[in-house]
Amino acid sequence: MSPKVQPSSTKPMLYINTRTLTAIFRLSDLVTIMNGVCGSFSVFSSGHYLLTGDIDYLWSALGFPLAGLMFDFLDGKVARWRKSSSMLGQELDSLADLISFGVAPSLLAFAVGLRTYLDTVVLTGFICCGLARLARFNATVASVPKDGAGKAKYFEGLPIPSSLVLVSVLAYWTKNGWIEGQQGIPGGTVTLWGKAGGRGEVHVVSLVWALWATAMVSKTLRVPKP
């Protein structure tokens, strides 16, 4: 009787790619990541301020998004200088922008005093509108009319870095002491339902954040590019 022949293994061999993530990053991508680093430092500085009440942390949190904007401008210049761009860079840019110009400004607003339940609903909506704005830009950038240099002629909706205008307002309030724990937020609060101090209370200035969020996702608002 002949010995039983064992079938050969058909399992595919494991392929190990030795290239690391850093090997596929371009110089402009590393500049973009610095934008995200600035946004992250702003978030943590706001957290430190809320824990300690040290105003220096709040000023640091207000300054980091501006540094992020510098890197946001610089990454495009580096990409053009190096004549290199990629889908990875585009996605990195959007993620970094969401941190620096969406999450960080919203947490700053919370830190200075927009802390009611409805305030946080508005600020969450602001972040989500920024997220939707960035996703739409990535999906439609190819269809936006271009100029002779190949750059888009306009922004569809407010670009998310425009939130630095709101950060500037928060910095002005901080300078004048118009923050929680000092003189309070300008305009005070209104109670939409229930008792004062309950879930129906909202700061009047939260309306500005809501309108800004709406402008970011607007399809009819077209902002000319500089």
C-alpha atoms as a PDB file:
ATOM      1  CA  MET A   1       0.000   0.000   0.000  1.00  0.00           C
ATOM      2  CA  SER A   2       1.519   3.300  -1.094  1.00  0.00           C
ATOM      3  CA  PRO A   3       2.078   5.985   1.563  1.00  0.00           C
ATOM      4  CA  LYS A   4      -0.475   8.765   1.776  1.00  0.00           C
ATOM      5  CA  VAL A   5       0.742  11.955   0.122  1.00  0.00           C
ATOM      6  CA  GLN A   6       0.086  15.124   2.141  1.00  0.00           C
ATOM      7  CA  PRO A   7      -1.287  18.003   0.054  1.00  0.00           C
ATOM      8  CA  SER A   8       1.014  20.986  -0.230  1.00  0.00           C
ATOM      9  CA  SER A   9       0.102  24.122   1.697  1.00  0.00           C
ATOM     10  CA  THR A  10      -1.722  26.741  -0.351  1.00  0.00           C
ATOM     11  CA  LYS A  11      -1.509  29.472   2.268  1.00  0.00           C
ATOM     12  CA  PRO A  12      -0.123  32.710   0.804  1.00  0.00           C
ATOM     13  CA  MET A  13       3.230  33.845   2.100  1.00  0.00           C
ATOM     14  CA  LEU A  14       3.171  36.863   4.394  1.00  0.00           C
ATOM     15  CA  TYR A  15       4.638  39.891   2.659  1.00  0.00           C
ATOM     16  CA  ILE A  16       6.276  42.371   4.944  1.00  0.00           C
ATOM     17  CA  ASN A  17       6.673  45.906   3.610  1.00  0.00           C
ATOM     18  CA  THR A  18       9.767  47.337   5.207  1.00  0.00           C
ATOM     19  CA  ARG A  19       8.931  50.909   4.254  1.00  0.00           C
ATOM     20  CA  THR A  20       7.857  52.960   7.242  1.00  0.00           C
ATOM     21  CA  LEU A  21       5.347  55.773   7.216  1.00  0.00           C
ATOM     22  CA  THR A  22       8.121  58.316   7.508  1.00  0.00           C
ATOM     23  CA  ALA A  23       9.568  57.007   4.262  1.00  0.00           C
ATOM     24  CA  ILE A  24       6.493  58.088   2.290  1.00  0.00           C
ATOM     25  CA  PHE A  25       6.139  61.521   3.894  1.00  0.00           C
ATOM     26  CA  ARG A  26       7.254  64.479   1.819  1.00  0.00           C
ATOM     27  CA  LEU A  27       8.764  67.610   3.368  1.00  0.00           C
ATOM     28  CA  SER A  28       5.483  69.465   2.853  1.00  0.00           C
ATOM     29  CA  ASP A  29       3.642  66.661   4.706  1.00  0.00           C
ATOM     30  CA  LEU A  30       5.893  67.141   7.735  1.00  0.00           C
ATOM     31  CA  VAL A  31       5.110  70.867   7.676  1.00  0.00           C
ATOM     32  CA  THR A  32       1.404  69.989   7.579  1.00  0.00           C
ATOM     33  CA  ILE A  33       1.817  67.735  10.614  1.00  0.00           C
ATOM     34  CA  MET A  34       3.276  70.716  12.491  1.00  0.00           C
ATOM     35  CA  ASN A  35      -0.067  72.425  11.909  1.00  0.00           C
ATOM     36  CA  GLY A  36      -1.726  69.529  13.712  1.00  0.00           C
ATOM     37  CA  VAL A  37       0.881  69.708  16.484  1.00  0.00           C
ATOM     38  CA  CYS A  38       0.002  73.369  17.081  1.00  0.00           C
ATOM     39  CA  GLY A  39      -3.703  72.539  17.243  1.00  0.00           C
ATOM     40  CA  SER A  40      -3.052  69.717  19.694  1.00  0.00           C
ATOM     41  CA  PHE A  41      -0.981  71.965  21.956  1.00  0.00           C
ATOM     42  CA  SER A  42      -3.830  74.481  21.920  1.00  0.00           C
ATOM     43  CA  VAL A  43      -6.280  71.784  23.021  1.00  0.00           C
ATOM     44  CA  PHE A  44      -4.046  70.648  25.890  1.00  0.00           C
ATOM     45  CA  SER A  45      -3.314  74.236  26.939  1.00  0.00           C
ATOM     46  CA  SER A  46      -7.055  74.897  27.174  1.00  0.00           C
ATOM     47  CA  GLY A  47      -7.343  71.797  29.320  1.00  0.00           C
ATOM     48  CA  HIS A  48      -4.546  73.004  31.596  1.00  0.00           C
ATOM     49  CA  TYR A  49      -6.308  76.351  31.947  1.00  0.00           C
ATOM     50  CA  LEU A  50      -9.574  74.680  32.927  1.00  0.00           C
ATOM     51  CA  LEU A  51      -7.735  72.578  35.541  1.00  0.00           C
ATOM     52  CA  THR A  52      -5.487  75.261  37.017  1.00  0.00           C
ATOM     53  CA  GLY A  53      -7.077  78.614  36.195  1.00  0.00           C
ATOM     54  CA  ASP A  54      -3.620  79.866  35.129  1.00  0.00           C
ATOM     55  CA  ILE A  55      -4.265  82.563  32.510  1.00  0.00           C
ATOM     56  CA  ASP A  56      -0.882  81.897  30.853  1.00  0.00           C
ATOM     57  CA  TYR A  57      -2.221  78.551  29.647  1.00  0.00           C
ATOM     58  CA  LEU A  58      -5.199  80.314  28.089  1.00  0.00           C
ATOM     59  CA  TRP A  59      -2.947  82.749  26.241  1.00  0.00           C
ATOM     60  CA  SER A  60      -0.878  79.821  24.968  1.00  0.00           C
ATOM     61  CA  ALA A  61      -4.047  78.096  23.774  1.00  0.00           C
ATOM     62  CA  LEU A  62      -5.062  81.276  21.941  1.00  0.00           C
ATOM     63  CA  GLY A  63      -1.666  81.585  20.245  1.00  0.00           C
ATOM     64  CA  PHE A  64      -1.156  78.049  18.965  1.00  0.00           C
ATOM     65  CA  PRO A  65      -3.904  78.162  16.268  1.00  0.00           C
ATOM     66  CA  LEU A  66      -2.197  81.224  14.786  1.00  0.00           C
ATOM     67  CA  ALA A  67       1.058  79.260  14.609  1.00  0.00           C
ATOM     68  CA  GLY A  68      -0.932  76.473  12.954  1.00  0.00           C
ATOM     69  CA  LEU A  69      -2.101  78.915  10.281  1.00  0.00           C
ATOM     70  CA  MET A  70       1.536  79.779   9.551  1.00  0.00           C
ATOM     71  CA  PHE A  71       2.308  76.105   8.903  1.00  0.00           C
ATOM     72  CA  ASP A  72      -0.930  75.782   6.880  1.00  0.00           C
ATOM     73  CA  PHE A  73       0.301  78.492   4.505  1.00  0.00           C
ATOM     74  CA  LEU A  74       3.847  77.172   4.494  1.00  0.00           C
ATOM     75  CA  ASP A  75       3.046  73.586   3.490  1.00  0.00           C
ATOM     76  CA  GLY A  76       1.588  74.704   0.154  1.00  0.00           C
ATOM     77  CA  LYS A  77       4.628  76.841  -0.595  1.00  0.00           C
ATOM     78  CA  VAL A  78       6.961  73.956   0.255  1.00  0.00           C
ATOM     79  CA  ALA A  79       4.941  71.587  -1.969  1.00  0.00           C
ATOM     80  CA  ARG A  80       5.201  74.005  -4.907  1.00  0.00           C
ATOM     81  CA  TRP A  81       8.890  74.574  -4.231  1.00  0.00           C
ATOM     82  CA  ARG A  82       9.568  70.833  -4.165  1.00  0.00           C
ATOM     83  CA  LYS A  83       7.113  70.267  -7.048  1.00  0.00           C
ATOM     84  CA  SER A  84       5.500  67.456  -5.070  1.00  0.00           C
ATOM     85  CA  SER A  85       1.946  66.844  -3.958  1.00  0.00           C
ATOM     86  CA  SER A  86      -0.033  63.748  -3.051  1.00  0.00           C
ATOM     87  CA  MET A  87      -3.378  62.484  -1.835  1.00  0.00           C
ATOM     88  CA  LEU A  88      -1.695  61.768   1.496  1.00  0.00           C
ATOM     89  CA  GLY A  89      -0.739  65.429   1.797  1.00  0.00           C
ATOM     90  CA  GLN A  90      -4.293  66.512   0.972  1.00  0.00           C
ATOM     91  CA  GLU A  91      -5.779  64.268   3.636  1.00  0.00           C
ATOM     92  CA  LEU A  92      -3.161  65.312   6.195  1.00  0.00           C
ATOM     93  CA  ASP A  93      -3.954  68.948   5.500  1.00  0.00           C
ATOM     94  CA  SER A  94      -7.658  68.412   6.165  1.00  0.00           C
ATOM     95  CA  LEU A  95      -7.070  66.470   9.381  1.00  0.00           C
ATOM     96  CA  ALA A  96      -4.609  69.063  10.689  1.00  0.00           C
ATOM     97  CA  ASP A  97      -7.021  71.887   9.809  1.00  0.00           C
ATOM     98  CA  LEU A  98      -9.813  70.147  11.699  1.00  0.00           C
ATOM     99  CA  ILE A  99      -7.689  70.056  14.852  1.00  0.00           C
ATOM    100  CA  SER A 100      -6.247  73.580  14.634  1.00  0.00           C
ATOM    101  CA  PHE A 101      -9.249  75.460  13.256  1.00  0.00           C
ATOM    102  CA  GLY A 102     -12.175  73.313  14.383  1.00  0.00           C
ATOM    103  CA  VAL A 103     -11.517  71.459  17.626  1.00  0.00           C
ATOM    104  CA  ALA A 104      -9.047  73.935  19.189  1.00  0.00           C
ATOM    105  CA  PRO A 105     -11.211  77.072  18.702  1.00  0.00           C
ATOM    106  CA  SER A 106     -14.289  75.241  20.001  1.00  0.00           C
ATOM    107  CA  LEU A 107     -12.472  74.138  23.156  1.00  0.00           C
ATOM    108  CA  LEU A 108     -11.166  77.697  23.545  1.00  0.00           C
ATOM    109  CA  ALA A 109     -14.734  78.993  23.450  1.00  0.00           C
ATOM    110  CA  PHE A 110     -15.664  76.441  26.107  1.00  0.00           C
ATOM    111  CA  ALA A 111     -12.660  77.463  28.212  1.00  0.00           C
ATOM    112  CA  VAL A 112     -13.518  81.167  28.201  1.00  0.00           C
ATOM    113  CA  GLY A 113     -17.110  80.543  29.209  1.00  0.00           C
ATOM    114  CA  LEU A 114     -19.419  78.978  26.610  1.00  0.00           C
ATOM    115  CA  ARG A 115     -20.156  76.051  28.907  1.00  0.00           C
ATOM    116  CA  THR A 116     -23.916  75.578  29.050  1.00  0.00           C
ATOM    117  CA  TYR A 117     -25.484  72.459  27.599  1.00  0.00           C
ATOM    118  CA  LEU A 118     -26.755  74.318  24.519  1.00  0.00           C
ATOM    119  CA  ASP A 119     -23.391  76.068  24.141  1.00  0.00           C
ATOM    120  CA  THR A 120     -21.718  72.673  23.842  1.00  0.00           C
ATOM    121  CA  VAL A 121     -24.336  71.560  21.316  1.00  0.00           C
ATOM    122  CA  VAL A 122     -23.493  74.607  19.178  1.00  0.00           C
ATOM    123  CA  LEU A 123     -19.745  74.054  19.535  1.00  0.00           C
ATOM    124  CA  THR A 124     -20.122  70.392  18.591  1.00  0.00           C
ATOM    125  CA  GLY A 125     -22.097  71.468  15.542  1.00  0.00           C
ATOM    126  CA  PHE A 126     -19.298  73.905  14.690  1.00  0.00           C
ATOM    127  CA  ILE A 127     -16.722  71.086  14.710  1.00  0.00           C
ATOM    128  CA  CYS A 128     -18.951  68.802  12.638  1.00  0.00           C
ATOM    129  CA  CYS A 129     -19.639  71.538  10.072  1.00  0.00           C
ATOM    130  CA  GLY A 130     -15.898  72.095   9.798  1.00  0.00           C
ATOM    131  CA  LEU A 131     -15.459  68.367   9.252  1.00  0.00           C
ATOM    132  CA  ALA A 132     -18.143  68.358   6.544  1.00  0.00           C
ATOM    133  CA  ARG A 133     -16.615  71.440   4.934  1.00  0.00           C
ATOM    134  CA  LEU A 134     -13.208  69.778   4.659  1.00  0.00           C
ATOM    135  CA  ALA A 135     -14.646  66.518   3.342  1.00  0.00           C
ATOM    136  CA  ARG A 136     -16.651  68.376   0.693  1.00  0.00           C
ATOM    137  CA  PHE A 137     -13.583  70.328  -0.370  1.00  0.00           C
ATOM    138  CA  ASN A 138     -11.579  67.135  -0.877  1.00  0.00           C
ATOM    139  CA  ALA A 139     -14.429  65.579  -2.879  1.00  0.00           C
ATOM    140  CA  THR A 140     -15.172  68.590  -5.109  1.00  0.00           C
ATOM    141  CA  VAL A 141     -11.852  70.411  -5.475  1.00  0.00           C
ATOM    142  CA  ALA A 142     -11.336  68.944  -8.952  1.00  0.00           C
ATOM    143  CA  SER A 143     -14.637  70.415 -10.206  1.00  0.00           C
ATOM    144  CA  VAL A 144     -14.107  73.964  -8.918  1.00  0.00           C
ATOM    145  CA  PRO A 145     -13.163  76.411 -11.730  1.00  0.00           C
ATOM    146  CA  LYS A 146      -9.418  77.110 -11.884  1.00  0.00           C
ATOM    147  CA  ASP A 147      -7.380  80.126 -12.921  1.00  0.00           C
ATOM    148  CA  GLY A 148      -4.466  80.086 -15.353  1.00  0.00           C
ATOM    149  CA  ALA A 149      -2.103  78.821 -12.658  1.00  0.00           C
ATOM    150  CA  GLY A 150      -4.383  75.897 -11.852  1.00  0.00           C
ATOM    151  CA  LYS A 151      -5.583  77.291  -8.501  1.00  0.00           C
ATOM    152  CA  ALA A 152      -9.267  77.312  -7.546  1.00  0.00           C
ATOM    153  CA  LYS A 153     -10.894  80.684  -8.135  1.00  0.00           C
ATOM    154  CA  TYR A 154     -12.997  80.668  -4.977  1.00  0.00           C
ATOM    155  CA  PHE A 155     -13.854  78.863  -1.763  1.00  0.00           C
ATOM    156  CA  GLU A 156     -17.280  77.227  -1.604  1.00  0.00           C
ATOM    157  CA  GLY A 157     -18.388  78.292   1.872  1.00  0.00           C
ATOM    158  CA  LEU A 158     -16.141  79.895   4.470  1.00  0.00           C
ATOM    159  CA  PRO A 159     -12.783  78.095   4.689  1.00  0.00           C
ATOM    160  CA  ILE A 160     -12.250  76.566   8.133  1.00  0.00           C
ATOM    161  CA  PRO A 161      -9.114  78.678   8.915  1.00  0.00           C
ATOM    162  CA  SER A 162     -11.497  81.664   9.029  1.00  0.00           C
ATOM    163  CA  SER A 163     -12.321  80.480  12.558  1.00  0.00           C
ATOM    164  CA  LEU A 164      -9.216  82.412  13.625  1.00  0.00           C
ATOM    165  CA  VAL A 165     -11.427  85.490  13.461  1.00  0.00           C
ATOM    166  CA  LEU A 166     -13.417  83.971  16.327  1.00  0.00           C
ATOM    167  CA  VAL A 167     -10.179  83.103  18.143  1.00  0.00           C
ATOM    168  CA  SER A 168      -9.155  86.765  17.813  1.00  0.00           C
ATOM    169  CA  VAL A 169     -12.446  87.798  19.406  1.00  0.00           C
ATOM    170  CA  LEU A 170     -11.811  85.373  22.269  1.00  0.00           C
ATOM    171  CA  ALA A 171      -8.328  86.873  22.713  1.00  0.00           C
ATOM    172  CA  TYR A 172      -9.862  90.362  22.888  1.00  0.00           C
ATOM    173  CA  TRP A 173     -12.339  89.192  25.506  1.00  0.00           C
ATOM    174  CA  THR A 174      -9.529  87.602  27.503  1.00  0.00           C
ATOM    175  CA  LYS A 175      -7.527  90.828  27.417  1.00  0.00           C
ATOM    176  CA  ASN A 176     -10.516  92.762  28.746  1.00  0.00           C
ATOM    177  CA  GLY A 177     -11.493  90.171  31.345  1.00  0.00           C
ATOM    178  CA  TRP A 178     -14.776  89.287  29.599  1.00  0.00           C
ATOM    179  CA  ILE A 179     -14.476  85.593  30.405  1.00  0.00           C
ATOM    180  CA  GLU A 180     -15.911  83.118  32.891  1.00  0.00           C
ATOM    181  CA  GLY A 181     -14.602  83.795  36.398  1.00  0.00           C
ATOM    182  CA  GLN A 182     -13.990  87.472  35.712  1.00  0.00           C
ATOM    183  CA  GLN A 183     -16.567  89.850  34.158  1.00  0.00           C
ATOM    184  CA  GLY A 184     -18.374  87.150  32.215  1.00  0.00           C
ATOM    185  CA  ILE A 185     -19.152  86.627  28.525  1.00  0.00           C
ATOM    186  CA  PRO A 186     -20.559  89.708  26.705  1.00  0.00           C
ATOM    187  CA  GLY A 187     -24.282  89.501  26.040  1.00  0.00           C
ATOM    188  CA  GLY A 188     -24.956  87.110  28.890  1.00  0.00           C
ATOM    189  CA  THR A 189     -27.364  84.201  28.527  1.00  0.00           C
ATOM    190  CA  VAL A 190     -30.990  83.615  27.623  1.00  0.00           C
ATOM    191  CA  THR A 191     -33.167  80.757  28.842  1.00  0.00           C
ATOM    192  CA  LEU A 192     -35.086  79.098  26.021  1.00  0.00           C
ATOM    193  CA  TRP A 193     -36.935  76.668  28.296  1.00  0.00           C
ATOM    194  CA  GLY A 194     -36.963  75.525  31.899  1.00  0.00           C
ATOM    195  CA  LYS A 195     -35.232  77.334  34.740  1.00  0.00           C
ATOM    196  CA  ALA A 196     -32.221  79.642  34.582  1.00  0.00           C
ATOM    197  CA  GLY A 197     -29.035  77.628  34.770  1.00  0.00           C
ATOM    198  CA  GLY A 198     -30.715  74.553  33.288  1.00  0.00           C
ATOM    199  CA  ARG A 199     -30.293  72.843  29.950  1.00  0.00           C
ATOM    200  CA  GLY A 200     -32.353  75.486  28.195  1.00  0.00           C
ATOM    201  CA  GLU A 201     -29.825  78.249  28.911  1.00  0.00           C
ATOM    202  CA  VAL A 202     -27.496  79.450  26.137  1.00  0.00           C
ATOM    203  CA  HIS A 203     -25.105  82.352  25.676  1.00  0.00           C
ATOM    204  CA  VAL A 204     -26.251  84.906  23.110  1.00  0.00           C
ATOM    205  CA  VAL A 205     -22.858  84.880  21.377  1.00  0.00           C
ATOM    206  CA  SER A 206     -23.253  81.163  20.639  1.00  0.00           C
ATOM    207  CA  LEU A 207     -25.460  82.348  17.780  1.00  0.00           C
ATOM    208  CA  VAL A 208     -22.338  83.739  16.100  1.00  0.00           C
ATOM    209  CA  TRP A 209     -20.685  80.314  16.246  1.00  0.00           C
ATOM    210  CA  ALA A 210     -23.836  78.712  14.832  1.00  0.00           C
ATOM    211  CA  LEU A 211     -23.968  81.180  11.938  1.00  0.00           C
ATOM    212  CA  TRP A 212     -20.259  80.709  11.247  1.00  0.00           C
ATOM    213  CA  ALA A 213     -20.744  76.941  11.118  1.00  0.00           C
ATOM    214  CA  THR A 214     -23.628  77.379   8.672  1.00  0.00           C
ATOM    215  CA  ALA A 215     -21.490  79.629   6.460  1.00  0.00           C
ATOM    216  CA  MET A 216     -18.761  76.979   6.310  1.00  0.00           C
ATOM    217  CA  VAL A 217     -21.092  74.377   4.794  1.00  0.00           C
ATOM    218  CA  SER A 218     -23.015  76.808   2.581  1.00  0.00           C
ATOM    219  CA  LYS A 219     -23.104  75.868  -1.119  1.00  0.00           C
ATOM    220  CA  THR A 220     -24.153  79.317  -2.276  1.00  0.00           C
ATOM    221  CA  LEU A 221     -21.513  81.388  -0.435  1.00  0.00           C
ATOM    222  CA  ARG A 222     -18.455  81.787  -2.637  1.00  0.00           C
ATOM    223  CA  VAL A 223     -15.393  83.493  -1.158  1.00  0.00           C
ATOM    224  CA  PRO A 224     -12.822  84.644  -3.765  1.00  0.00           C
ATOM    225  CA  LYS A 225      -9.347  83.222  -3.159  1.00  0.00           C
ATOM    226  CA  PRO A 226      -6.588  85.813  -2.645  1.00  0.00           C
END
